[in-house]
Structures are given as C-alpha cells and as structure tokens.
Amino acid sequence: MTERILSSSWLDAELDQIWLAAEAELRRLQSLQLRPAVAEVEAILTERRAATRRSPSCARVRSISCATGSAWCPARSLRCS
C-alpha cells in the first residue's frame, strides 16, 4: 500500500513538472511572438494551476521557472525512494 502511495506521489510530482515546463515554453514562445495566446489553452493552464493549487501569478515565466524548481525537488526525492 505504501508503494502505491509513493508511486502516486512520484507520478503527481513528475506530471506537475511536465506541465510547468510546457507552460514555461509556451510563455517563452508567446513573449517572442511565435505563438499566439489561445483561449482554450489558457483555460486548460488556468484549470491545471487551480488543480495543483498554484497561484495565478505562475502565468509569468519567472514565476513558472521558480515553480518548476520547486516541483523538481519533490520529483527528484521521490525518484530515489
């Protein structure tokens, strides 16, 4: 049972990191005007942030990179478990 909980925590941390990295890349492309803002994508990202209890300020690349760093620590520690 503990392994299942640990696996779930690890997977959640990894998925959180993937979502944050994807959002950071999207924001970078948007800042370079290579990718337009699309309402559907923005809604998905907003919903994802709400589901992971991240603040709306994570929409900025600087905040996302900080959040990515904080998501990396749990993911790395759970990998070693």
PDB file of N, CA and C in Angstrom:
ATOM      1  N   MET A   1       0.826  -1.198   0.000  1.00  0.00           N
ATOM      2  CA  MET A   1       0.000   0.000   0.000  1.00  0.00           C
ATOM      3  C   MET A   1       0.866   1.256   0.000  1.00  0.00           C
ATOM      4  N   THR A   2       1.933   1.258   0.795  1.00  0.00           N
ATOM      5  CA  THR A   2       2.822   2.418   0.862  1.00  0.00           C
ATOM      6  C   THR A   2       3.492   2.655  -0.483  1.00  0.00           C
ATOM      7  N   GLU A   3       3.859   1.572  -1.188  1.00  0.00           N
ATOM      8  CA  GLU A   3       4.470   1.715  -2.506  1.00  0.00           C
ATOM      9  C   GLU A   3       3.513   2.382  -3.474  1.00  0.00           C
ATOM     10  N   ARG A   4       2.243   2.046  -3.395  1.00  0.00           N
ATOM     11  CA  ARG A   4       1.248   2.635  -4.289  1.00  0.00           C
ATOM     12  C   ARG A   4       1.115   4.137  -4.019  1.00  0.00           C
ATOM     13  N   ILE A   5       1.095   4.531  -2.758  1.00  0.00           N
ATOM     14  CA  ILE A   5       1.014   5.949  -2.403  1.00  0.00           C
ATOM     15  C   ILE A   5       2.263   6.680  -2.872  1.00  0.00           C
ATOM     16  N   LEU A   6       3.418   6.084  -2.659  1.00  0.00           N
ATOM     17  CA  LEU A   6       4.677   6.671  -3.083  1.00  0.00           C
ATOM     18  C   LEU A   6       4.728   6.800  -4.598  1.00  0.00           C
ATOM     19  N   SER A   7       4.261   5.783  -5.321  1.00  0.00           N
ATOM     20  CA  SER A   7       4.221   5.825  -6.780  1.00  0.00           C
ATOM     21  C   SER A   7       3.302   6.934  -7.262  1.00  0.00           C
ATOM     22  N   SER A   8       2.175   7.066  -6.608  1.00  0.00           N
ATOM     23  CA  SER A   8       1.228   8.118  -6.971  1.00  0.00           C
ATOM     24  C   SER A   8       1.826   9.504  -6.722  1.00  0.00           C
ATOM     25  N   SER A   9       2.507   9.664  -5.592  1.00  0.00           N
ATOM     26  CA  SER A   9       3.148  10.949  -5.281  1.00  0.00           C
ATOM     27  C   SER A   9       4.229  11.268  -6.299  1.00  0.00           C
ATOM     28  N   TRP A  10       5.007  10.254  -6.656  1.00  0.00           N
ATOM     29  CA  TRP A  10       6.070  10.444  -7.642  1.00  0.00           C
ATOM     30  C   TRP A  10       5.476  10.853  -8.976  1.00  0.00           C
ATOM     31  N   LEU A  11       4.432  10.152  -9.414  1.00  0.00           N
ATOM     32  CA  LEU A  11       3.798  10.450 -10.689  1.00  0.00           C
ATOM     33  C   LEU A  11       3.207  11.861 -10.687  1.00  0.00           C
ATOM     34  N   ASP A  12       2.546  12.243  -9.609  1.00  0.00           N
ATOM     35  CA  ASP A  12       1.984  13.593  -9.499  1.00  0.00           C
ATOM     36  C   ASP A  12       3.080  14.650  -9.604  1.00  0.00           C
ATOM     37  N   ALA A  13       4.204  14.427  -8.935  1.00  0.00           N
ATOM     38  CA  ALA A  13       5.314  15.383  -8.982  1.00  0.00           C
ATOM     39  C   ALA A  13       5.903  15.471 -10.384  1.00  0.00           C
ATOM     40  N   GLU A  14       6.049  14.343 -11.053  1.00  0.00           N
ATOM     41  CA  GLU A  14       6.594  14.326 -12.416  1.00  0.00           C
ATOM     42  C   GLU A  14       5.649  15.041 -13.384  1.00  0.00           C
ATOM     43  N   LEU A  15       4.353  14.752 -13.273  1.00  0.00           N
ATOM     44  CA  LEU A  15       3.377  15.403 -14.152  1.00  0.00           C
ATOM     45  C   LEU A  15       3.313  16.909 -13.906  1.00  0.00           C
ATOM     46  N   ASP A  16       3.418  17.307 -12.658  1.00  0.00           N
ATOM     47  CA  ASP A  16       3.431  18.726 -12.320  1.00  0.00           C
ATOM     48  C   ASP A  16       4.627  19.409 -12.984  1.00  0.00           C
ATOM     49  N   GLN A  17       5.762  18.764 -12.933  1.00  0.00           N
ATOM     50  CA  GLN A  17       6.963  19.321 -13.551  1.00  0.00           C
ATOM     51  C   GLN A  17       6.798  19.423 -15.073  1.00  0.00           C
ATOM     52  N   ILE A  18       6.199  18.422 -15.701  1.00  0.00           N
ATOM     53  CA  ILE A  18       5.982  18.443 -17.148  1.00  0.00           C
ATOM     54  C   ILE A  18       5.049  19.585 -17.535  1.00  0.00           C
ATOM     55  N   TRP A  19       3.947  19.747 -16.802  1.00  0.00           N
ATOM     56  CA  TRP A  19       3.007  20.831 -17.085  1.00  0.00           C
ATOM     57  C   TRP A  19       3.678  22.202 -16.935  1.00  0.00           C
ATOM     58  N   LEU A  20       4.467  22.359 -15.886  1.00  0.00           N
ATOM     59  CA  LEU A  20       5.149  23.638 -15.664  1.00  0.00           C
ATOM     60  C   LEU A  20       6.170  23.925 -16.760  1.00  0.00           C
ATOM     61  N   ALA A  21       6.899  22.909 -17.188  1.00  0.00           N
ATOM     62  CA  ALA A  21       7.877  23.093 -18.256  1.00  0.00           C
ATOM     63  C   ALA A  21       7.175  23.447 -19.571  1.00  0.00           C
ATOM     64  N   ALA A  22       6.055  22.797 -19.841  1.00  0.00           N
ATOM     65  CA  ALA A  22       5.294  23.098 -21.053  1.00  0.00           C
ATOM     66  C   ALA A  22       4.755  24.525 -21.017  1.00  0.00           C
ATOM     67  N   GLU A  23       4.242  24.940 -19.869  1.00  0.00           N
ATOM     68  CA  GLU A  23       3.730  26.304 -19.756  1.00  0.00           C
ATOM     69  C   GLU A  23       4.852  27.328 -19.883  1.00  0.00           C
ATOM     70  N   ALA A  24       5.993  27.046 -19.297  1.00  0.00           N
ATOM     71  CA  ALA A  24       7.136  27.961 -19.402  1.00  0.00           C
ATOM     72  C   ALA A  24       7.561  28.117 -20.860  1.00  0.00           C
ATOM     73  N   GLU A  25       7.590  27.015 -21.595  1.00  0.00           N
ATOM     74  CA  GLU A  25       7.967  27.083 -23.013  1.00  0.00           C
ATOM     75  C   GLU A  25       6.921  27.839 -23.819  1.00  0.00           C
ATOM     76  N   LEU A  26       5.649  27.613 -23.530  1.00  0.00           N
ATOM     77  CA  LEU A  26       4.588  28.354 -24.205  1.00  0.00           C
ATOM     78  C   LEU A  26       4.730  29.849 -23.947  1.00  0.00           C
ATOM     79  N   ARG A  27       4.962  30.226 -22.694  1.00  0.00           N
ATOM     80  CA  ARG A  27       5.116  31.648 -22.359  1.00  0.00           C
ATOM     81  C   ARG A  27       6.340  32.244 -23.055  1.00  0.00           C
ATOM     82  N   ARG A  28       7.421  31.460 -23.161  1.00  0.00           N
ATOM     83  CA  ARG A  28       8.622  31.945 -23.848  1.00  0.00           C
ATOM     84  C   ARG A  28       8.314  32.201 -25.328  1.00  0.00           C
ATOM     85  N   LEU A  29       7.617  31.267 -25.963  1.00  0.00           N
ATOM     86  CA  LEU A  29       7.253  31.434 -27.365  1.00  0.00           C
ATOM     87  C   LEU A  29       6.292  32.601 -27.552  1.00  0.00           C
ATOM     88  N   GLN A  30       5.376  32.785 -26.609  1.00  0.00           N
ATOM     89  CA  GLN A  30       4.458  33.914 -26.688  1.00  0.00           C
ATOM     90  C   GLN A  30       5.203  35.235 -26.538  1.00  0.00           C
ATOM     91  N   SER A  31       6.192  35.279 -25.657  1.00  0.00           N
ATOM     92  CA  SER A  31       6.954  36.520 -25.476  1.00  0.00           C
ATOM     93  C   SER A  31       7.761  36.867 -26.724  1.00  0.00           C
ATOM     94  N   LEU A  32       8.126  35.857 -27.494  1.00  0.00           N
ATOM     95  CA  LEU A  32       8.836  36.076 -28.758  1.00  0.00           C
ATOM     96  C   LEU A  32       7.871  36.270 -29.922  1.00  0.00           C
ATOM     97  N   GLN A  33       6.592  36.262 -29.621  1.00  0.00           N
ATOM     98  CA  GLN A  33       5.502  36.407 -30.591  1.00  0.00           C
ATOM     99  C   GLN A  33       5.541  35.316 -31.658  1.00  0.00           C
ATOM    100  N   LEU A  34       5.935  34.134 -31.252  1.00  0.00           N
ATOM    101  CA  LEU A  34       5.955  32.987 -32.155  1.00  0.00           C
ATOM    102  C   LEU A  34       4.737  32.091 -31.961  1.00  0.00           C
ATOM    103  N   ARG A  35       4.005  32.329 -30.878  1.00  0.00           N
ATOM    104  CA  ARG A  35       2.820  31.533 -30.589  1.00  0.00           C
ATOM    105  C   ARG A  35       1.763  32.460 -30.003  1.00  0.00           C
ATOM    106  N   PRO A  36       0.590  32.554 -30.650  1.00  0.00           N
ATOM    107  CA  PRO A  36      -0.451  33.431 -30.103  1.00  0.00           C
ATOM    108  C   PRO A  36      -1.114  32.812 -28.871  1.00  0.00           C
ATOM    109  N   ALA A  37      -1.715  33.677 -28.069  1.00  0.00           N
ATOM    110  CA  ALA A  37      -2.485  33.204 -26.920  1.00  0.00           C
ATOM    111  C   ALA A  37      -3.806  32.638 -27.447  1.00  0.00           C
ATOM    112  N   VAL A  38      -4.149  31.457 -27.012  1.00  0.00           N
ATOM    113  CA  VAL A  38      -5.379  30.793 -27.425  1.00  0.00           C
ATOM    114  C   VAL A  38      -6.214  30.576 -26.171  1.00  0.00           C
ATOM    115  N   ALA A  39      -7.460  31.015 -26.226  1.00  0.00           N
ATOM    116  CA  ALA A  39      -8.329  30.965 -25.047  1.00  0.00           C
ATOM    117  C   ALA A  39      -8.453  29.553 -24.482  1.00  0.00           C
ATOM    118  N   GLU A  40      -8.564  28.558 -25.345  1.00  0.00           N
ATOM    119  CA  GLU A  40      -8.721  27.184 -24.868  1.00  0.00           C
ATOM    120  C   GLU A  40      -7.474  26.719 -24.101  1.00  0.00           C
ATOM    121  N   VAL A  41      -6.303  27.042 -24.613  1.00  0.00           N
ATOM    122  CA  VAL A  41      -5.054  26.660 -23.943  1.00  0.00           C
ATOM    123  C   VAL A  41      -4.935  27.391 -22.611  1.00  0.00           C
ATOM    124  N   GLU A  42      -5.257  28.683 -22.601  1.00  0.00           N
ATOM    125  CA  GLU A  42      -5.205  29.456 -21.367  1.00  0.00           C
ATOM    126  C   GLU A  42      -6.149  28.877 -20.319  1.00  0.00           C
ATOM    127  N   ALA A  43      -7.332  28.447 -20.756  1.00  0.00           N
ATOM    128  CA  ALA A  43      -8.297  27.850 -19.832  1.00  0.00           C
ATOM    129  C   ALA A  43      -7.759  26.539 -19.251  1.00  0.00           C
ATOM    130  N   ILE A  44      -7.113  25.732 -20.091  1.00  0.00           N
ATOM    131  CA  ILE A  44      -6.533  24.471 -19.624  1.00  0.00           C
ATOM    132  C   ILE A  44      -5.440  24.734 -18.597  1.00  0.00           C
ATOM    133  N   LEU A  45      -4.570  25.692 -18.885  1.00  0.00           N
ATOM    134  CA  LEU A  45      -3.479  26.005 -17.964  1.00  0.00           C
ATOM    135  C   LEU A  45      -3.996  26.592 -16.651  1.00  0.00           C
ATOM    136  N   THR A  46      -5.022  27.432 -16.740  1.00  0.00           N
ATOM    137  CA  THR A  46      -5.629  28.004 -15.535  1.00  0.00           C
ATOM    138  C   THR A  46      -6.256  26.899 -14.689  1.00  0.00           C
ATOM    139  N   GLU A  47      -6.949  25.979 -15.349  1.00  0.00           N
ATOM    140  CA  GLU A  47      -7.570  24.865 -14.632  1.00  0.00           C
ATOM    141  C   GLU A  47      -6.509  23.977 -13.990  1.00  0.00           C
ATOM    142  N   ARG A  48      -5.422  23.754 -14.690  1.00  0.00           N
ATOM    143  CA  ARG A  48      -4.332  22.921 -14.154  1.00  0.00           C
ATOM    144  C   ARG A  48      -3.701  23.587 -12.928  1.00  0.00           C
ATOM    145  N   ARG A  49      -3.481  24.913 -13.022  1.00  0.00           N
ATOM    146  CA  ARG A  49      -2.924  25.633 -11.865  1.00  0.00           C
ATOM    147  C   ARG A  49      -3.856  25.538 -10.677  1.00  0.00           C
ATOM    148  N   ALA A  50      -5.164  25.669 -10.916  1.00  0.00           N
ATOM    149  CA  ALA A  50      -6.138  25.576  -9.827  1.00  0.00           C
ATOM    150  C   ALA A  50      -6.133  24.172  -9.217  1.00  0.00           C
ATOM    151  N   ALA A  51      -5.987  23.168 -10.057  1.00  0.00           N
ATOM    152  CA  ALA A  51      -5.981  21.782  -9.571  1.00  0.00           C
ATOM    153  C   ALA A  51      -4.743  21.497  -8.726  1.00  0.00           C
ATOM    154  N   THR A  52      -3.637  22.164  -9.032  1.00  0.00           N
ATOM    155  CA  THR A  52      -2.407  21.937  -8.271  1.00  0.00           C
ATOM    156  C   THR A  52      -2.193  23.038  -7.233  1.00  0.00           C
ATOM    157  N   ARG A  53      -3.193  23.886  -7.070  1.00  0.00           N
ATOM    158  CA  ARG A  53      -3.175  24.967  -6.075  1.00  0.00           C
ATOM    159  C   ARG A  53      -2.036  25.955  -6.287  1.00  0.00           C
ATOM    160  N   ARG A  54      -1.687  26.206  -7.530  1.00  0.00           N
ATOM    161  CA  ARG A  54      -0.663  27.216  -7.827  1.00  0.00           C
ATOM    162  C   ARG A  54      -1.357  28.560  -7.998  1.00  0.00           C
ATOM    163  N   SER A  55      -0.677  29.608  -7.631  1.00  0.00           N
ATOM    164  CA  SER A  55      -1.271  30.939  -7.719  1.00  0.00           C
ATOM    165  C   SER A  55      -1.349  31.395  -9.175  1.00  0.00           C
ATOM    166  N   PRO A  56      -2.286  32.297  -9.495  1.00  0.00           N
ATOM    167  CA  PRO A  56      -2.401  32.817 -10.855  1.00  0.00           C
ATOM    168  C   PRO A  56      -1.133  33.526 -11.331  1.00  0.00           C
ATOM    169  N   SER A  57      -0.293  33.987 -10.421  1.00  0.00           N
ATOM    170  CA  SER A  57       0.922  34.684 -10.816  1.00  0.00           C
ATOM    171  C   SER A  57       1.911  33.740 -11.493  1.00  0.00           C
ATOM    172  N   CYS A  58       1.656  32.444 -11.441  1.00  0.00           N
ATOM    173  CA  CYS A  58       2.534  31.483 -12.117  1.00  0.00           C
ATOM    174  C   CYS A  58       2.459  31.626 -13.631  1.00  0.00           C
ATOM    175  N   ALA A  59       1.547  32.437 -14.121  1.00  0.00           N
ATOM    176  CA  ALA A  59       1.448  32.633 -15.562  1.00  0.00           C
ATOM    177  C   ALA A  59       2.683  33.339 -16.113  1.00  0.00           C
ATOM    178  N   ARG A  60       3.396  34.048 -15.262  1.00  0.00           N
ATOM    179  CA  ARG A  60       4.621  34.708 -15.723  1.00  0.00           C
ATOM    180  C   ARG A  60       5.766  33.720 -15.749  1.00  0.00           C
ATOM    181  N   VAL A  61       6.632  33.863 -16.745  1.00  0.00           N
ATOM    182  CA  VAL A  61       7.729  32.921 -16.926  1.00  0.00           C
ATOM    183  C   VAL A  61       8.624  32.856 -15.702  1.00  0.00           C
ATOM    184  N   ARG A  62       8.919  33.974 -15.075  1.00  0.00           N
ATOM    185  CA  ARG A  62       9.777  33.967 -13.889  1.00  0.00           C
ATOM    186  C   ARG A  62       9.154  33.129 -12.781  1.00  0.00           C
ATOM    187  N   SER A  63       7.853  33.307 -12.559  1.00  0.00           N
ATOM    188  CA  SER A  63       7.162  32.524 -11.531  1.00  0.00           C
ATOM    189  C   SER A  63       7.117  31.050 -11.905  1.00  0.00           C
ATOM    190  N   ILE A  64       6.947  30.788 -13.197  1.00  0.00           N
ATOM    191  CA  ILE A  64       6.893  29.397 -13.650  1.00  0.00           C
ATOM    192  C   ILE A  64       8.239  28.731 -13.436  1.00  0.00           C
ATOM    193  N   SER A  65       9.318  29.436 -13.744  1.00  0.00           N
ATOM    194  CA  SER A  65      10.626  28.821 -13.554  1.00  0.00           C
ATOM    195  C   SER A  65      10.893  28.572 -12.071  1.00  0.00           C
ATOM    196  N   CYS A  66      10.409  29.457 -11.197  1.00  0.00           N
ATOM    197  CA  CYS A  66      10.535  29.217  -9.749  1.00  0.00           C
ATOM    198  C   CYS A  66       9.694  28.009  -9.350  1.00  0.00           C
ATOM    199  N   ALA A  67       8.493  27.925  -9.883  1.00  0.00           N
ATOM    200  CA  ALA A  67       7.617  26.798  -9.567  1.00  0.00           C
ATOM    201  C   ALA A  67       8.206  25.501 -10.113  1.00  0.00           C
ATOM    202  N   THR A  68       8.821  25.569 -11.287  1.00  0.00           N
ATOM    203  CA  THR A  68       9.456  24.384 -11.861  1.00  0.00           C
ATOM    204  C   THR A  68      10.569  23.910 -10.945  1.00  0.00           C
ATOM    205  N   GLY A  69      11.339  24.846 -10.416  1.00  0.00           N
ATOM    206  CA  GLY A  69      12.403  24.484  -9.481  1.00  0.00           C
ATOM    207  C   GLY A  69      11.855  23.838  -8.231  1.00  0.00           C
ATOM    208  N   SER A  70      10.740  24.361  -7.721  1.00  0.00           N
ATOM    209  CA  SER A  70      10.168  23.775  -6.513  1.00  0.00           C
ATOM    210  C   SER A  70       9.511  22.433  -6.811  1.00  0.00           C
ATOM    211  N   ALA A  71       9.017  22.244  -8.029  1.00  0.00           N
ATOM    212  CA  ALA A  71       8.428  20.953  -8.406  1.00  0.00           C
ATOM    213  C   ALA A  71       9.516  19.918  -8.617  1.00  0.00           C
ATOM    214  N   TRP A  72      10.701  20.364  -8.993  1.00  0.00           N
ATOM    215  CA  TRP A  72      11.804  19.438  -9.258  1.00  0.00           C
ATOM    216  C   TRP A  72      12.252  18.728  -7.981  1.00  0.00           C
ATOM    217  N   CYS A  73      12.289  19.432  -6.870  1.00  0.00           N
ATOM    218  CA  CYS A  73      12.775  18.836  -5.616  1.00  0.00           C
ATOM    219  C   CYS A  73      11.955  17.623  -5.185  1.00  0.00           C
ATOM    220  N   PRO A  74      10.617  17.733  -5.107  1.00  0.00           N
ATOM    221  CA  PRO A  74       9.857  16.544  -4.714  1.00  0.00           C
ATOM    222  C   PRO A  74       9.995  15.415  -5.733  1.00  0.00           C
ATOM    223  N   ALA A  75      10.028  15.757  -7.014  1.00  0.00           N
ATOM    224  CA  ALA A  75      10.129  14.721  -8.043  1.00  0.00           C
ATOM    225  C   ALA A  75      11.462  13.982  -7.903  1.00  0.00           C
ATOM    226  N   ARG A  76      12.534  14.729  -7.686  1.00  0.00           N
ATOM    227  CA  ARG A  76      13.858  14.104  -7.561  1.00  0.00           C
ATOM    228  C   ARG A  76      13.919  13.230  -6.309  1.00  0.00           C
ATOM    229  N   SER A  77      13.396  13.722  -5.197  1.00  0.00           N
ATOM    230  CA  SER A  77      13.458  12.928  -3.971  1.00  0.00           C
ATOM    231  C   SER A  77      12.594  11.682  -4.057  1.00  0.00           C
ATOM    232  N   LEU A  78      11.472  11.776  -4.761  1.00  0.00           N
ATOM    233  CA  LEU A  78      10.595  10.612  -4.906  1.00  0.00           C
ATOM    234  C   LEU A  78      11.174   9.584  -5.881  1.00  0.00           C
ATOM    235  N   ARG A  79      11.981  10.038  -6.842  1.00  0.00           N
ATOM    236  CA  ARG A  79      12.632   9.106  -7.763  1.00  0.00           C
ATOM    237  C   ARG A  79      13.586   8.183  -7.013  1.00  0.00           C
ATOM    238  N   CYS A  80      14.257   8.734  -6.027  1.00  0.00           N
ATOM    239  CA  CYS A  80      15.260   7.972  -5.289  1.00  0.00           C
ATOM    240  C   CYS A  80      14.644   7.023  -4.265  1.00  0.00           C
ATOM    241  N   SER A  81      13.377   7.193  -3.983  1.00  0.00           N
ATOM    242  CA  SER A  81      12.715   6.355  -2.971  1.00  0.00           C
ATOM    243  C   SER A  81      12.428   4.974  -3.493  1.00  0.00           C
TER     244      SER A  81
END
